[in-house]
Amino acid sequence: MEQTQVQCAVKGITTPEMQRIAAMEGLSSDLVLKRMAEGQIVVPLNKGIKCSVVGIGMGLSTKINASIGTSTDIVDIDAEVRKAIAAQKAGADTLMELSVGGDLDK
């Protein structure tokens, strides 16, 4: 079974993602590993979804997050896609899809 970034950090295993974050942030990979193991840095990754690696947390540069999603009152998937594209064009570092209404499998 594949281990998460946190599981690796707790075991003292530096992953390529941790090394990439360290290089992007101008930190040592040992410091990134330590802070991840302590819960001070997170790396939001989803298995099976291709995405850019970004670290969020203590001692790292500020990140811009955009949240999109349908609600029980408004279900307009096309509008949410437009918002996601606009967020990406505006330079958002992360995008959270928080839909709670409509056909969530679409």
N, C-alpha and C. Protein backbone atom coordinates (compact mmCIF):
# COMPACT_ATOMS: atom_id res chain seq x y z
N MET A 1 0.84 -1.19 0.00
CA MET A 1 0.00 0.00 0.00
C MET A 1 0.88 1.25 0.00
N GLU A 2 0.54 2.18 -0.84
CA GLU A 2 1.30 3.42 -0.97
C GLU A 2 1.13 4.28 0.29
N GLN A 3 2.24 4.85 0.75
CA GLN A 3 2.20 5.68 1.95
C GLN A 3 1.92 7.14 1.60
N THR A 4 1.28 7.83 2.54
CA THR A 4 1.04 9.26 2.37
C THR A 4 2.32 10.03 2.67
N GLN A 5 2.33 11.30 2.33
CA GLN A 5 3.47 12.15 2.63
C GLN A 5 3.73 12.21 4.13
N VAL A 6 2.66 12.30 4.91
CA VAL A 6 2.82 12.38 6.37
C VAL A 6 3.38 11.07 6.93
N GLN A 7 2.87 9.95 6.44
CA GLN A 7 3.37 8.66 6.92
C GLN A 7 4.86 8.53 6.62
N CYS A 8 5.27 8.95 5.45
CA CYS A 8 6.70 8.92 5.11
C CYS A 8 7.49 9.83 6.03
N ALA A 9 6.99 11.04 6.26
CA ALA A 9 7.70 12.00 7.11
C ALA A 9 7.87 11.45 8.52
N VAL A 10 6.82 10.87 9.07
CA VAL A 10 6.89 10.32 10.43
C VAL A 10 7.94 9.20 10.50
N LYS A 11 8.11 8.45 9.42
CA LYS A 11 9.10 7.37 9.37
C LYS A 11 10.49 7.87 9.00
N GLY A 12 10.62 9.18 8.74
CA GLY A 12 11.91 9.75 8.39
C GLY A 12 12.29 9.56 6.93
N ILE A 13 11.32 9.29 6.09
CA ILE A 13 11.56 9.08 4.66
C ILE A 13 11.29 10.38 3.91
N THR A 14 12.31 10.90 3.25
CA THR A 14 12.15 12.10 2.44
C THR A 14 11.68 11.70 1.05
N THR A 15 10.55 12.25 0.62
CA THR A 15 9.98 11.93 -0.69
C THR A 15 10.43 12.95 -1.73
N PRO A 16 10.29 12.62 -3.01
CA PRO A 16 10.60 13.59 -4.06
C PRO A 16 9.77 14.87 -3.92
N GLU A 17 8.52 14.73 -3.45
CA GLU A 17 7.67 15.90 -3.26
C GLU A 17 8.24 16.82 -2.18
N MET A 18 8.74 16.24 -1.10
CA MET A 18 9.35 17.04 -0.03
C MET A 18 10.59 17.74 -0.55
N GLN A 19 11.38 17.04 -1.35
CA GLN A 19 12.58 17.64 -1.93
C GLN A 19 12.22 18.81 -2.85
N ARG A 20 11.15 18.63 -3.63
CA ARG A 20 10.72 19.69 -4.54
C ARG A 20 10.26 20.92 -3.76
N ILE A 21 9.49 20.71 -2.69
CA ILE A 21 9.02 21.82 -1.86
C ILE A 21 10.20 22.54 -1.24
N ALA A 22 11.16 21.78 -0.72
CA ALA A 22 12.35 22.38 -0.11
C ALA A 22 13.08 23.26 -1.12
N ALA A 23 13.24 22.77 -2.34
CA ALA A 23 13.93 23.55 -3.37
C ALA A 23 13.14 24.81 -3.72
N MET A 24 11.82 24.67 -3.87
CA MET A 24 10.99 25.83 -4.22
C MET A 24 10.99 26.89 -3.13
N GLU A 25 11.08 26.45 -1.87
CA GLU A 25 11.00 27.37 -0.74
C GLU A 25 12.36 27.81 -0.22
N GLY A 26 13.44 27.26 -0.76
CA GLY A 26 14.78 27.63 -0.30
C GLY A 26 15.10 27.09 1.08
N LEU A 27 14.59 25.90 1.38
CA LEU A 27 14.82 25.26 2.68
C LEU A 27 15.51 23.93 2.47
N SER A 28 16.03 23.36 3.55
CA SER A 28 16.60 22.02 3.44
C SER A 28 15.47 21.00 3.45
N SER A 29 15.69 19.89 2.76
CA SER A 29 14.67 18.84 2.76
C SER A 29 14.51 18.24 4.15
N ASP A 30 15.57 18.27 4.97
CA ASP A 30 15.48 17.78 6.35
C ASP A 30 14.50 18.62 7.17
N LEU A 31 14.52 19.95 6.96
CA LEU A 31 13.61 20.82 7.70
C LEU A 31 12.17 20.59 7.25
N VAL A 32 11.95 20.44 5.95
CA VAL A 32 10.60 20.16 5.44
C VAL A 32 10.11 18.83 6.02
N LEU A 33 10.95 17.82 6.00
CA LEU A 33 10.61 16.51 6.57
C LEU A 33 10.22 16.64 8.04
N LYS A 34 11.04 17.34 8.82
CA LYS A 34 10.78 17.51 10.26
C LYS A 34 9.44 18.20 10.50
N ARG A 35 9.21 19.29 9.79
CA ARG A 35 7.96 20.04 9.99
C ARG A 35 6.74 19.27 9.51
N MET A 36 6.90 18.46 8.47
CA MET A 36 5.78 17.61 8.04
C MET A 36 5.48 16.57 9.10
N ALA A 37 6.51 15.96 9.65
CA ALA A 37 6.31 14.93 10.68
C ALA A 37 5.64 15.52 11.91
N GLU A 38 5.90 16.80 12.19
CA GLU A 38 5.32 17.47 13.36
C GLU A 38 3.95 18.08 13.05
N GLY A 39 3.50 18.00 11.80
CA GLY A 39 2.20 18.56 11.43
C GLY A 39 2.22 20.05 11.17
N GLN A 40 3.40 20.62 10.96
CA GLN A 40 3.52 22.06 10.73
C GLN A 40 3.50 22.42 9.25
N ILE A 41 3.70 21.43 8.39
CA ILE A 41 3.62 21.60 6.94
C ILE A 41 2.75 20.48 6.39
N VAL A 42 1.90 20.84 5.44
CA VAL A 42 1.09 19.83 4.75
C VAL A 42 1.35 19.92 3.25
N VAL A 43 1.15 18.79 2.58
CA VAL A 43 1.28 18.71 1.13
C VAL A 43 -0.02 18.11 0.60
N PRO A 44 -0.92 18.94 0.11
CA PRO A 44 -2.19 18.40 -0.37
C PRO A 44 -2.03 17.70 -1.73
N LEU A 45 -2.10 16.39 -1.69
CA LEU A 45 -2.01 15.57 -2.90
C LEU A 45 -3.14 14.55 -2.89
N ASN A 46 -3.68 14.26 -4.04
CA ASN A 46 -4.69 13.21 -4.18
C ASN A 46 -4.14 12.14 -5.10
N LYS A 47 -4.21 10.89 -4.65
CA LYS A 47 -3.75 9.78 -5.49
C LYS A 47 -4.58 9.74 -6.77
N GLY A 48 -3.91 9.55 -7.88
CA GLY A 48 -4.61 9.42 -9.15
C GLY A 48 -4.97 10.72 -9.82
N ILE A 49 -4.70 11.85 -9.17
CA ILE A 49 -5.00 13.15 -9.76
C ILE A 49 -3.68 13.88 -9.98
N LYS A 50 -3.39 14.22 -11.23
CA LYS A 50 -2.15 14.93 -11.54
C LYS A 50 -2.29 16.38 -11.11
N CYS A 51 -1.38 16.82 -10.26
CA CYS A 51 -1.41 18.20 -9.80
C CYS A 51 0.00 18.67 -9.45
N SER A 52 0.15 19.95 -9.36
CA SER A 52 1.43 20.53 -8.96
C SER A 52 1.62 20.33 -7.47
N VAL A 53 2.86 20.10 -7.07
CA VAL A 53 3.17 19.93 -5.66
C VAL A 53 3.32 21.30 -5.02
N VAL A 54 2.66 21.48 -3.89
CA VAL A 54 2.76 22.74 -3.15
C VAL A 54 2.77 22.41 -1.66
N GLY A 55 3.60 23.11 -0.92
CA GLY A 55 3.63 22.94 0.53
C GLY A 55 2.96 24.13 1.19
N ILE A 56 2.22 23.83 2.25
CA ILE A 56 1.51 24.87 2.98
C ILE A 56 1.86 24.73 4.45
N GLY A 57 2.26 25.84 5.08
CA GLY A 57 2.50 25.77 6.51
C GLY A 57 3.66 26.62 6.99
N MET A 58 4.14 26.26 8.16
CA MET A 58 5.13 27.03 8.90
C MET A 58 6.42 27.24 8.11
N GLY A 59 6.79 28.51 7.95
CA GLY A 59 8.04 28.86 7.31
C GLY A 59 8.01 28.82 5.79
N LEU A 60 6.84 28.55 5.21
CA LEU A 60 6.73 28.52 3.76
C LEU A 60 6.07 29.80 3.26
N SER A 61 6.25 30.09 1.99
CA SER A 61 5.63 31.28 1.42
C SER A 61 4.11 31.17 1.48
N THR A 62 3.46 32.31 1.50
CA THR A 62 2.00 32.36 1.55
C THR A 62 1.43 31.82 0.24
N LYS A 63 0.37 31.03 0.35
CA LYS A 63 -0.28 30.45 -0.82
C LYS A 63 -1.67 31.05 -0.98
N ILE A 64 -2.15 31.09 -2.22
CA ILE A 64 -3.49 31.57 -2.52
C ILE A 64 -4.36 30.37 -2.86
N ASN A 65 -5.46 30.20 -2.12
CA ASN A 65 -6.40 29.11 -2.34
C ASN A 65 -7.71 29.67 -2.89
N ALA A 66 -8.30 28.95 -3.82
CA ALA A 66 -9.63 29.29 -4.33
C ALA A 66 -10.56 28.12 -4.03
N SER A 67 -11.75 28.43 -3.57
CA SER A 67 -12.75 27.40 -3.28
C SER A 67 -13.92 27.55 -4.23
N ILE A 68 -14.35 26.45 -4.79
CA ILE A 68 -15.52 26.44 -5.66
C ILE A 68 -16.46 25.34 -5.19
N GLY A 69 -17.67 25.32 -5.72
CA GLY A 69 -18.57 24.22 -5.41
C GLY A 69 -20.03 24.59 -5.45
N THR A 70 -20.83 23.59 -5.75
CA THR A 70 -22.28 23.77 -5.77
C THR A 70 -22.82 23.72 -4.35
N SER A 71 -24.05 24.20 -4.21
CA SER A 71 -24.72 24.14 -2.91
C SER A 71 -26.06 23.44 -3.10
N THR A 72 -26.79 23.27 -2.02
CA THR A 72 -28.12 22.68 -2.14
C THR A 72 -29.07 23.64 -2.83
N ASP A 73 -28.75 24.94 -2.83
CA ASP A 73 -29.60 25.95 -3.47
C ASP A 73 -29.24 26.21 -4.93
N ILE A 74 -27.95 26.16 -5.25
CA ILE A 74 -27.50 26.49 -6.61
C ILE A 74 -26.60 25.37 -7.12
N VAL A 75 -27.02 24.74 -8.21
CA VAL A 75 -26.24 23.69 -8.85
C VAL A 75 -25.99 24.11 -10.29
N ASP A 76 -24.80 24.66 -10.53
CA ASP A 76 -24.44 25.11 -11.88
C ASP A 76 -22.99 24.71 -12.13
N ILE A 77 -22.82 23.50 -12.63
CA ILE A 77 -21.47 22.96 -12.82
C ILE A 77 -20.65 23.81 -13.79
N ASP A 78 -21.29 24.30 -14.85
CA ASP A 78 -20.57 25.15 -15.81
C ASP A 78 -20.00 26.40 -15.13
N ALA A 79 -20.76 26.99 -14.24
CA ALA A 79 -20.29 28.17 -13.51
C ALA A 79 -19.10 27.82 -12.63
N GLU A 80 -19.14 26.64 -12.00
CA GLU A 80 -18.02 26.22 -11.15
C GLU A 80 -16.77 25.97 -11.98
N VAL A 81 -16.94 25.41 -13.17
CA VAL A 81 -15.79 25.20 -14.07
C VAL A 81 -15.21 26.55 -14.47
N ARG A 82 -16.07 27.51 -14.79
CA ARG A 82 -15.58 28.85 -15.15
C ARG A 82 -14.81 29.47 -13.98
N LYS A 83 -15.31 29.29 -12.76
CA LYS A 83 -14.61 29.82 -11.58
C LYS A 83 -13.24 29.16 -11.42
N ALA A 84 -13.17 27.86 -11.64
CA ALA A 84 -11.90 27.15 -11.51
C ALA A 84 -10.89 27.65 -12.54
N ILE A 85 -11.35 27.86 -13.76
CA ILE A 85 -10.47 28.37 -14.82
C ILE A 85 -10.00 29.78 -14.47
N ALA A 86 -10.90 30.62 -13.98
CA ALA A 86 -10.53 31.98 -13.59
C ALA A 86 -9.52 31.97 -12.46
N ALA A 87 -9.71 31.08 -11.48
CA ALA A 87 -8.77 30.98 -10.36
C ALA A 87 -7.39 30.58 -10.85
N GLN A 88 -7.36 29.62 -11.75
CA GLN A 88 -6.08 29.17 -12.30
C GLN A 88 -5.39 30.30 -13.05
N LYS A 89 -6.14 31.01 -13.89
CA LYS A 89 -5.57 32.13 -14.65
C LYS A 89 -5.08 33.24 -13.74
N ALA A 90 -5.74 33.42 -12.58
CA ALA A 90 -5.36 34.46 -11.63
C ALA A 90 -4.16 34.06 -10.78
N GLY A 91 -3.72 32.80 -10.90
CA GLY A 91 -2.52 32.37 -10.19
C GLY A 91 -2.76 31.66 -8.87
N ALA A 92 -3.94 31.13 -8.64
CA ALA A 92 -4.19 30.40 -7.40
C ALA A 92 -3.23 29.22 -7.29
N ASP A 93 -2.71 29.00 -6.09
CA ASP A 93 -1.80 27.88 -5.84
C ASP A 93 -2.56 26.58 -5.63
N THR A 94 -3.74 26.69 -5.02
CA THR A 94 -4.55 25.51 -4.74
C THR A 94 -6.01 25.80 -5.09
N LEU A 95 -6.75 24.73 -5.35
CA LEU A 95 -8.17 24.85 -5.66
C LEU A 95 -8.91 23.76 -4.89
N MET A 96 -9.88 24.17 -4.10
CA MET A 96 -10.69 23.22 -3.34
C MET A 96 -12.08 23.15 -3.95
N GLU A 97 -12.52 21.94 -4.26
CA GLU A 97 -13.85 21.72 -4.80
C GLU A 97 -14.71 21.23 -3.64
N LEU A 98 -15.67 22.05 -3.22
CA LEU A 98 -16.43 21.79 -2.00
C LEU A 98 -17.92 21.60 -2.24
N SER A 99 -18.29 21.02 -3.37
CA SER A 99 -19.71 20.85 -3.70
C SER A 99 -20.44 20.00 -2.67
N VAL A 100 -21.67 20.43 -2.37
CA VAL A 100 -22.53 19.67 -1.45
C VAL A 100 -23.91 19.41 -2.05
N GLY A 101 -24.16 19.91 -3.26
CA GLY A 101 -25.47 19.73 -3.87
C GLY A 101 -25.36 19.34 -5.32
N GLY A 102 -26.38 18.65 -5.82
CA GLY A 102 -26.41 18.24 -7.22
C GLY A 102 -25.76 16.90 -7.42
N ASP A 103 -25.48 16.57 -8.68
CA ASP A 103 -24.86 15.30 -9.05
C ASP A 103 -23.36 15.40 -8.79
N LEU A 104 -22.93 14.95 -7.64
CA LEU A 104 -21.54 15.10 -7.22
C LEU A 104 -20.58 14.17 -7.97
N ASP A 105 -21.12 13.22 -8.71
CA ASP A 105 -20.26 12.30 -9.46
C ASP A 105 -19.87 12.85 -10.83
N LYS A 106 -20.47 13.96 -11.25
CA LYS A 106 -20.16 14.55 -12.56
C LYS A 106 -18.79 15.15 -12.58
